[in-house]
Amino acid sequence: MKYRLCIFDLDGTLVDSRPAILAARQDTARELGIADAAVQSRSIHIGLPLAEILRQLGFQDIDQARGVYRRYYYLHNHLEKPFPGIPDLLTRLRHRVLLAVATNKTFDGTKATLQNTGLFEFFEVVESLDRGIPKPDRD
C-alpha cells in the first residue's frame, strides 16, 4: 500500500517541548501567585488544549493565565528541540508523501515551534486549535 499523506502530532512526537512548557508553567505560577511546588507536583500535560492544562493546574482566571503563560512560553520556546532522527525522517518522506501537522497549539505557537526547530519547511499542511477542529476529533 502506498501512502499519500502522513499526519504528525507536534509536542511530544516531533518536538521535545517539555523544557519550554515546564519553564513557562513555572513562571506563570510564580507571577500569578500559585505555589511552585503545587505546579511541579502535577504531571506535565502535553497535547491538551492550553485552557484545560491551566484549569488542571489550578488557575482560576483562565484568560489571565493563558495570556501570562503565552508570554513566558515565547520566551522559552527556544528550548524546544526536534527529537533525534525526526529531521532525517522528514527529509526522507518530504518528496514521497504530503506532510501535515495536527496539534492543539494555536497556529502562532505551532509556527513558532516549527520555525525555531527548523521543521517548518517540511509541512504543507498545519492544522491547529484555532484553525480547524481540535484533536482528537477524527474529522
C-alpha atoms as a PDB file:
ATOM      1  CA  MET A   1       0.000   0.000   0.000  1.00  0.00           C
ATOM      2  CA  LYS A   2       1.310   3.432  -0.905  1.00  0.00           C
ATOM      3  CA  TYR A   3       0.510   6.294   1.436  1.00  0.00           C
ATOM      4  CA  ARG A   4      -0.129   9.802   0.156  1.00  0.00           C
ATOM      5  CA  LEU A   5      -0.308  11.639   3.477  1.00  0.00           C
ATOM      6  CA  CYS A   6       1.452  11.486   6.849  1.00  0.00           C
ATOM      7  CA  ILE A   7      -0.065  13.493   9.706  1.00  0.00           C
ATOM      8  CA  PHE A   8       2.087  14.130  12.758  1.00  0.00           C
ATOM      9  CA  ASP A   9       1.312  15.450  16.193  1.00  0.00           C
ATOM     10  CA  LEU A  10       3.744  18.144  17.294  1.00  0.00           C
ATOM     11  CA  ASP A  11       4.512  18.290  21.020  1.00  0.00           C
ATOM     12  CA  GLY A  12       5.904  15.039  22.330  1.00  0.00           C
ATOM     13  CA  THR A  13       6.003  13.471  18.868  1.00  0.00           C
ATOM     14  CA  LEU A  14       8.122  15.631  16.573  1.00  0.00           C
ATOM     15  CA  VAL A  15       9.426  18.037  19.182  1.00  0.00           C
ATOM     16  CA  ASP A  16      10.519  17.744  22.789  1.00  0.00           C
ATOM     17  CA  SER A  17       8.668  20.760  24.136  1.00  0.00           C
ATOM     18  CA  ARG A  18       8.723  19.726  27.794  1.00  0.00           C
ATOM     19  CA  PRO A  19      11.513  22.143  28.838  1.00  0.00           C
ATOM     20  CA  ALA A  20       9.695  25.157  27.342  1.00  0.00           C
ATOM     21  CA  ILE A  21       6.301  24.098  28.712  1.00  0.00           C
ATOM     22  CA  LEU A  22       7.694  23.470  32.195  1.00  0.00           C
ATOM     23  CA  ALA A  23       9.565  26.797  32.302  1.00  0.00           C
ATOM     24  CA  ALA A  24       6.513  28.742  31.098  1.00  0.00           C
ATOM     25  CA  ARG A  25       4.278  26.907  33.553  1.00  0.00           C
ATOM     26  CA  GLN A  26       6.569  27.680  36.493  1.00  0.00           C
ATOM     27  CA  ASP A  27       6.924  31.354  35.549  1.00  0.00           C
ATOM     28  CA  THR A  28       3.157  31.668  35.135  1.00  0.00           C
ATOM     29  CA  ALA A  29       2.533  30.123  38.546  1.00  0.00           C
ATOM     30  CA  ARG A  30       5.084  32.394  40.152  1.00  0.00           C
ATOM     31  CA  GLU A  31       3.624  35.536  38.565  1.00  0.00           C
ATOM     32  CA  LEU A  32       0.042  34.609  39.433  1.00  0.00           C
ATOM     33  CA  GLY A  33       0.800  33.533  42.985  1.00  0.00           C
ATOM     34  CA  ILE A  34       0.351  29.773  42.750  1.00  0.00           C
ATOM     35  CA  ALA A  35       2.869  27.826  44.786  1.00  0.00           C
ATOM     36  CA  ASP A  36       5.600  26.445  42.562  1.00  0.00           C
ATOM     37  CA  ALA A  37       5.528  23.147  44.482  1.00  0.00           C
ATOM     38  CA  ALA A  38       1.845  22.679  43.639  1.00  0.00           C
ATOM     39  CA  VAL A  39       2.540  23.213  39.950  1.00  0.00           C
ATOM     40  CA  GLN A  40       5.612  20.962  39.923  1.00  0.00           C
ATOM     41  CA  SER A  41       3.766  18.155  41.689  1.00  0.00           C
ATOM     42  CA  ARG A  42       1.417  17.774  38.725  1.00  0.00           C
ATOM     43  CA  SER A  43       2.462  15.915  35.628  1.00  0.00           C
ATOM     44  CA  ILE A  44       3.354  17.896  32.531  1.00  0.00           C
ATOM     45  CA  HIS A  45       0.362  17.978  30.231  1.00  0.00           C
ATOM     46  CA  ILE A  46       1.347  17.854  26.612  1.00  0.00           C
ATOM     47  CA  GLY A  47      -1.213  17.744  23.857  1.00  0.00           C
ATOM     48  CA  LEU A  48      -4.224  19.063  25.736  1.00  0.00           C
ATOM     49  CA  PRO A  49      -5.636  22.494  24.887  1.00  0.00           C
ATOM     50  CA  LEU A  50      -3.924  25.184  26.975  1.00  0.00           C
ATOM     51  CA  ALA A  51      -7.138  26.175  28.794  1.00  0.00           C
ATOM     52  CA  GLU A  52      -7.536  22.591  30.035  1.00  0.00           C
ATOM     53  CA  ILE A  53      -3.910  22.412  31.166  1.00  0.00           C
ATOM     54  CA  LEU A  54      -4.259  25.659  33.110  1.00  0.00           C
ATOM     55  CA  ARG A  55      -7.528  24.523  34.674  1.00  0.00           C
ATOM     56  CA  GLN A  56      -5.939  21.266  35.842  1.00  0.00           C
ATOM     57  CA  LEU A  57      -3.018  23.197  37.309  1.00  0.00           C
ATOM     58  CA  GLY A  58      -5.407  25.178  39.491  1.00  0.00           C
ATOM     59  CA  PHE A  59      -5.564  28.553  37.767  1.00  0.00           C
ATOM     60  CA  GLN A  60      -8.915  30.243  38.355  1.00  0.00           C
ATOM     61  CA  ASP A  61      -8.857  33.040  35.757  1.00  0.00           C
ATOM     62  CA  ILE A  62      -8.064  31.014  32.644  1.00  0.00           C
ATOM     63  CA  ASP A  63      -7.954  34.004  30.287  1.00  0.00           C
ATOM     64  CA  GLN A  64      -5.435  35.807  32.503  1.00  0.00           C
ATOM     65  CA  ALA A  65      -3.346  32.665  32.972  1.00  0.00           C
ATOM     66  CA  ARG A  66      -3.413  31.958  29.227  1.00  0.00           C
ATOM     67  CA  GLY A  67      -2.033  35.425  28.448  1.00  0.00           C
ATOM     68  CA  VAL A  68       0.721  35.151  31.054  1.00  0.00           C
ATOM     69  CA  TYR A  69       1.617  31.598  30.001  1.00  0.00           C
ATOM     70  CA  ARG A  70       1.881  32.528  26.335  1.00  0.00           C
ATOM     71  CA  ARG A  71       4.163  35.448  27.126  1.00  0.00           C
ATOM     72  CA  TYR A  72       6.506  33.147  29.035  1.00  0.00           C
ATOM     73  CA  TYR A  73       6.185  30.326  26.527  1.00  0.00           C
ATOM     74  CA  TYR A  74       7.508  32.575  23.748  1.00  0.00           C
ATOM     75  CA  LEU A  75      10.440  33.498  25.984  1.00  0.00           C
ATOM     76  CA  HIS A  76      11.279  29.820  26.499  1.00  0.00           C
ATOM     77  CA  ASN A  77      10.351  28.169  23.197  1.00  0.00           C
ATOM     78  CA  HIS A  78      13.991  28.264  22.107  1.00  0.00           C
ATOM     79  CA  LEU A  79      14.349  25.291  24.478  1.00  0.00           C
ATOM     80  CA  GLU A  80      12.248  23.106  22.161  1.00  0.00           C
ATOM     81  CA  LYS A  81      14.209  20.639  20.065  1.00  0.00           C
ATOM     82  CA  PRO A  82      13.239  18.034  17.478  1.00  0.00           C
ATOM     83  CA  PHE A  83      13.544  14.505  18.769  1.00  0.00           C
ATOM     84  CA  PRO A  84      16.586  12.638  17.424  1.00  0.00           C
ATOM     85  CA  GLY A  85      16.008  11.301  13.927  1.00  0.00           C
ATOM     86  CA  ILE A  86      12.986  13.494  13.153  1.00  0.00           C
ATOM     87  CA  PRO A  87      14.709  15.853  10.684  1.00  0.00           C
ATOM     88  CA  ASP A  88      16.145  12.844   8.830  1.00  0.00           C
ATOM     89  CA  LEU A  89      12.765  11.108   8.764  1.00  0.00           C
ATOM     90  CA  LEU A  90      11.033  14.196   7.387  1.00  0.00           C
ATOM     91  CA  THR A  91      13.763  14.666   4.801  1.00  0.00           C
ATOM     92  CA  ARG A  92      13.217  11.106   3.566  1.00  0.00           C
ATOM     93  CA  LEU A  93       9.422  11.497   3.494  1.00  0.00           C
ATOM     94  CA  ARG A  94       9.073  15.011   2.102  1.00  0.00           C
ATOM     95  CA  HIS A  95       9.089  14.138  -1.614  1.00  0.00           C
ATOM     96  CA  ARG A  96       7.175  10.885  -1.219  1.00  0.00           C
ATOM     97  CA  VAL A  97       4.070  12.000   0.677  1.00  0.00           C
ATOM     98  CA  LEU A  98       2.212  15.110   1.752  1.00  0.00           C
ATOM     99  CA  LEU A  99       3.324  16.018   5.281  1.00  0.00           C
ATOM    100  CA  ALA A 100       0.960  17.595   7.787  1.00  0.00           C
ATOM    101  CA  VAL A 101       0.881  18.596  11.453  1.00  0.00           C
ATOM    102  CA  ALA A 102      -2.258  18.425  13.601  1.00  0.00           C
ATOM    103  CA  THR A 103      -1.921  19.987  17.046  1.00  0.00           C
ATOM    104  CA  ASN A 104      -3.881  21.545  19.885  1.00  0.00           C
ATOM    105  CA  LYS A 105      -1.494  24.509  19.906  1.00  0.00           C
ATOM    106  CA  THR A 106      -2.560  27.764  18.308  1.00  0.00           C
ATOM    107  CA  PHE A 107      -1.283  28.427  14.816  1.00  0.00           C
ATOM    108  CA  ASP A 108       1.120  31.117  16.049  1.00  0.00           C
ATOM    109  CA  GLY A 109       2.586  28.753  18.652  1.00  0.00           C
ATOM    110  CA  THR A 110       2.792  25.932  16.129  1.00  0.00           C
ATOM    111  CA  LYS A 111       4.503  28.095  13.546  1.00  0.00           C
ATOM    112  CA  ALA A 112       6.980  29.395  16.146  1.00  0.00           C
ATOM    113  CA  THR A 113       7.825  25.856  17.259  1.00  0.00           C
ATOM    114  CA  LEU A 114       8.245  24.586  13.706  1.00  0.00           C
ATOM    115  CA  GLN A 115      10.363  27.572  12.690  1.00  0.00           C
ATOM    116  CA  ASN A 116      12.550  27.505  15.816  1.00  0.00           C
ATOM    117  CA  THR A 117      13.243  23.802  15.370  1.00  0.00           C
ATOM    118  CA  GLY A 118      13.895  24.023  11.621  1.00  0.00           C
ATOM    119  CA  LEU A 119      10.903  21.818  10.770  1.00  0.00           C
ATOM    120  CA  PHE A 120       8.503  24.367   9.250  1.00  0.00           C
ATOM    121  CA  GLU A 121       9.743  23.861   5.693  1.00  0.00           C
ATOM    122  CA  PHE A 122       8.728  20.184   5.727  1.00  0.00           C
ATOM    123  CA  PHE A 123       4.981  20.684   6.211  1.00  0.00           C
ATOM    124  CA  GLU A 124       2.480  21.601   3.555  1.00  0.00           C
ATOM    125  CA  VAL A 125      -0.497  21.472   5.919  1.00  0.00           C
ATOM    126  CA  VAL A 126      -0.668  22.761   9.500  1.00  0.00           C
ATOM    127  CA  GLU A 127      -3.905  22.262  11.437  1.00  0.00           C
ATOM    128  CA  SER A 128      -4.024  23.993  14.796  1.00  0.00           C
ATOM    129  CA  LEU A 129      -6.529  24.526  17.582  1.00  0.00           C
ATOM    130  CA  ASP A 130      -7.649  27.872  16.194  1.00  0.00           C
ATOM    131  CA  ARG A 131      -7.717  26.855  12.533  1.00  0.00           C
ATOM    132  CA  GLY A 132      -9.682  23.660  12.495  1.00  0.00           C
ATOM    133  CA  ILE A 133     -11.400  21.040  14.543  1.00  0.00           C
ATOM    134  CA  PRO A 134      -9.400  20.293  17.717  1.00  0.00           C
ATOM    135  CA  LYS A 135      -7.902  16.877  18.280  1.00  0.00           C
ATOM    136  CA  PRO A 136      -8.912  14.160  18.928  1.00  0.00           C
ATOM    137  CA  ASP A 137     -11.918  14.676  16.614  1.00  0.00           C
ATOM    138  CA  ARG A 138     -11.461  12.115  13.844  1.00  0.00           C
ATOM    139  CA  ASP A 139     -12.503  14.612  11.155  1.00  0.00           C
END
